[in-house]
Amino acid sequence: MTAPVGIEGSRGCLEMRGRVTREQLRRAIELAHYVWLPKDRVMLDFWVTHFVVDGVEVANPLGMECDRLEACAEITTGDAE
């Protein structure tokens, strides 16, 4: 039996070179949004908690130079019924 509400973590990762743009931030967030959920679960809420630039946690990476950008998010799930 699953809990009526749960929280899952998710990450969206981009391999890149150069300065982080708004489009790259949007894409990393979009990738974090794609998570597999069992048929009996639905996504209720999604929010970004922070970003990781080349292994270092940052609040806002816009304009930073990096090779890897990660958007870290939390997802609230609930019963599909």
Protein backbone atom coordinates (compact mmCIF):
# COMPACT_ATOMS: atom_id res chain seq x y z
CA MET A 1 0.00 0.00 0.00
CA THR A 2 1.36 3.45 -0.90
CA ALA A 3 1.00 6.67 1.07
CA PRO A 4 -1.75 9.05 -0.12
CA VAL A 5 0.87 11.81 -0.60
CA GLY A 6 4.62 11.50 -1.11
CA ILE A 7 7.63 13.61 -2.04
CA GLU A 8 10.15 12.51 -4.65
CA GLY A 9 13.44 14.10 -5.69
CA SER A 10 14.38 14.65 -9.32
CA ARG A 11 17.32 16.02 -11.33
CA GLY A 12 17.57 17.32 -14.86
CA CYS A 13 21.12 17.35 -16.24
CA LEU A 14 22.67 19.11 -19.23
CA GLU A 15 26.19 18.55 -20.50
CA MET A 16 27.29 21.87 -21.96
CA ARG A 17 30.16 24.30 -22.45
CA GLY A 18 30.02 28.02 -21.89
CA ARG A 19 27.80 30.41 -19.97
CA VAL A 20 24.42 29.28 -18.67
CA THR A 21 21.54 30.93 -20.55
CA ARG A 22 17.86 31.24 -19.64
CA GLU A 23 17.07 28.62 -22.31
CA GLN A 24 19.52 26.14 -20.73
CA LEU A 25 17.99 26.76 -17.29
CA ARG A 26 14.53 26.14 -18.76
CA ARG A 27 15.72 22.92 -20.42
CA ALA A 28 17.35 21.58 -17.23
CA ILE A 29 14.12 22.30 -15.29
CA GLU A 30 12.09 20.62 -18.04
CA LEU A 31 14.29 17.51 -17.81
CA ALA A 32 13.84 17.40 -14.01
CA HIS A 33 10.08 17.50 -14.57
CA TYR A 34 10.15 14.21 -16.54
CA VAL A 35 9.96 11.45 -13.94
CA TRP A 36 8.57 7.96 -14.10
CA LEU A 37 5.67 7.40 -11.73
CA PRO A 38 3.77 4.15 -11.17
CA LYS A 39 0.30 4.00 -12.73
CA ASP A 40 -1.32 4.52 -9.33
CA ARG A 41 0.54 7.84 -8.69
CA VAL A 42 0.11 11.36 -10.14
CA MET A 43 2.22 14.50 -9.88
CA LEU A 44 0.52 17.11 -7.68
CA ASP A 45 3.26 19.76 -7.47
CA PHE A 46 6.77 20.45 -8.75
CA TRP A 47 9.34 22.97 -7.56
CA VAL A 48 13.04 23.60 -8.15
CA THR A 49 15.07 23.59 -4.96
CA HIS A 50 18.49 24.53 -6.37
CA PHE A 51 20.94 24.09 -9.22
CA VAL A 52 24.31 22.34 -9.38
CA VAL A 53 27.05 23.74 -11.61
CA ASP A 54 30.02 21.40 -12.15
CA GLY A 55 29.29 19.71 -8.82
CA VAL A 56 28.77 22.91 -6.78
CA GLU A 57 25.31 23.84 -5.45
CA VAL A 58 24.17 27.34 -6.44
CA ALA A 59 20.90 29.26 -6.18
CA ASN A 60 21.05 30.96 -9.60
CA PRO A 61 23.58 29.80 -12.21
CA LEU A 62 22.51 32.26 -14.92
CA GLY A 63 25.63 33.54 -16.70
CA MET A 64 28.04 31.14 -14.96
CA GLU A 65 30.59 29.17 -17.01
CA CYS A 66 30.14 25.41 -16.72
CA ASP A 67 30.42 21.99 -18.33
CA ARG A 68 27.48 20.42 -16.48
CA LEU A 69 24.25 22.02 -15.25
CA GLU A 70 21.74 20.23 -13.02
CA ALA A 71 18.31 21.40 -11.90
CA CYS A 72 17.28 19.74 -8.63
CA ALA A 73 13.58 19.56 -7.82
CA GLU A 74 11.06 18.10 -5.44
CA ILE A 75 7.83 16.54 -6.68
CA THR A 76 4.72 15.97 -4.59
CA THR A 77 2.82 12.87 -5.67
CA GLY A 78 -0.57 11.49 -4.74
CA ASP A 79 -2.82 8.53 -5.35
CA ALA A 80 -4.20 8.47 -8.90
CA GLU A 81 -7.62 7.40 -7.70
